[in-house]
């Protein structure tokens, strides 16, 4: 599989971008937090913590319970913004 990636530069670039985006968010909690906040920011075209918190509260009780801490949202937003600046 690695041979294919090294021969296919487009796929290798996708893998590298994905690895960079997920760096530091490899736990189940981190992956879900990052992907959920990213989804809400893109769907609602916002980086506003209050609007993201509302999106989490309306999504499900589970996400409301796990992710509505503004500290968690801020960490995820910083990562998303950092990656967006790089790419």
Protein backbone atom coordinates (compact mmCIF):
# COMPACT_ATOMS: atom_id res chain seq x y z
CA UNK A 1 0.00 0.00 0.00
CA UNK A 2 2.78 2.43 0.81
CA UNK A 3 4.31 1.83 -2.60
CA UNK A 4 1.04 2.92 -4.21
CA UNK A 5 0.96 6.10 -2.14
CA UNK A 6 4.51 7.02 -3.00
CA UNK A 7 3.79 6.50 -6.68
CA UNK A 8 0.51 8.42 -6.56
CA UNK A 9 1.38 11.96 -5.46
CA UNK A 10 -2.25 13.10 -5.29
CA UNK A 11 -3.16 10.35 -2.79
CA UNK A 12 0.00 10.99 -0.80
CA UNK A 13 -0.92 14.67 -0.51
CA UNK A 14 -4.40 13.74 0.77
CA UNK A 15 -2.88 11.39 3.34
CA UNK A 16 -0.44 14.06 4.52
CA UNK A 17 -3.16 16.71 4.79
CA UNK A 18 -5.35 14.31 6.78
CA UNK A 19 -2.51 13.37 9.12
CA UNK A 20 -1.72 17.06 9.70
CA UNK A 21 -5.38 17.89 10.36
CA UNK A 22 -5.81 15.07 12.88
CA UNK A 23 -2.47 15.52 14.67
CA UNK A 24 -3.16 15.71 18.38
CA UNK A 25 -6.76 14.53 18.02
CA UNK A 26 -6.24 10.76 17.75
CA UNK A 27 -8.41 9.70 20.68
CA UNK A 28 -12.05 8.82 20.09
CA UNK A 29 -13.03 11.98 21.96
CA UNK A 30 -10.62 14.18 19.99
CA UNK A 31 -11.62 12.80 16.61
CA UNK A 32 -15.31 13.22 17.31
CA UNK A 33 -14.83 16.70 18.74
CA UNK A 34 -12.79 17.90 15.80
CA UNK A 35 -15.04 16.38 13.15
CA UNK A 36 -18.22 17.60 14.84
CA UNK A 37 -17.01 21.17 15.29
CA UNK A 38 -15.66 21.20 11.73
CA UNK A 39 -19.02 19.97 10.41
CA UNK A 40 -20.98 22.60 12.33
CA UNK A 41 -18.65 25.43 11.26
CA UNK A 42 -18.95 24.44 7.62
CA UNK A 43 -22.68 23.71 7.65
CA UNK A 44 -23.52 26.99 9.38
CA UNK A 45 -20.65 29.03 7.93
CA UNK A 46 -19.61 30.26 11.37
CA UNK A 47 -16.74 30.20 13.84
CA UNK A 48 -18.86 31.74 16.59
CA UNK A 49 -18.56 29.67 19.77
CA UNK A 50 -22.12 30.47 20.85
CA UNK A 51 -23.57 29.29 17.54
CA UNK A 52 -21.39 26.17 17.58
CA UNK A 53 -22.50 25.44 21.14
CA UNK A 54 -26.13 25.76 20.06
CA UNK A 55 -25.45 23.40 17.17
CA UNK A 56 -23.97 20.86 19.58
CA UNK A 57 -26.92 21.19 21.97
CA UNK A 58 -29.39 20.67 19.15
CA UNK A 59 -27.48 17.75 17.62
CA UNK A 60 -27.90 15.22 20.43
CA UNK A 61 -27.80 14.84 24.20
CA UNK A 62 -24.52 12.98 23.83
CA UNK A 63 -22.78 15.77 21.93
CA UNK A 64 -24.34 18.36 24.25
CA UNK A 65 -22.96 16.53 27.26
CA UNK A 66 -19.51 15.84 25.83
CA UNK A 67 -18.59 18.90 23.80
CA UNK A 68 -20.36 22.07 24.95
CA UNK A 69 -17.44 23.11 27.15
CA UNK A 70 -16.17 26.29 25.47
CA UNK A 71 -12.58 25.21 26.15
CA UNK A 72 -13.04 22.12 23.95
CA UNK A 73 -14.72 24.12 21.19
CA UNK A 74 -11.93 26.72 21.26
CA UNK A 75 -9.24 24.05 20.95
CA UNK A 76 -11.00 22.47 17.97
CA UNK A 77 -11.57 25.86 16.31
CA UNK A 78 -7.92 26.80 16.67
CA UNK A 79 -6.91 23.55 14.96
CA UNK A 80 -9.41 24.05 12.13
CA UNK A 81 -8.28 27.65 11.61
CA UNK A 82 -4.61 26.62 11.66
CA UNK A 83 -5.16 23.97 9.00
CA UNK A 84 -7.25 26.33 6.87
CA UNK A 85 -4.37 28.85 6.89
CA UNK A 86 -1.88 26.18 5.88
CA UNK A 87 -3.97 24.90 2.99
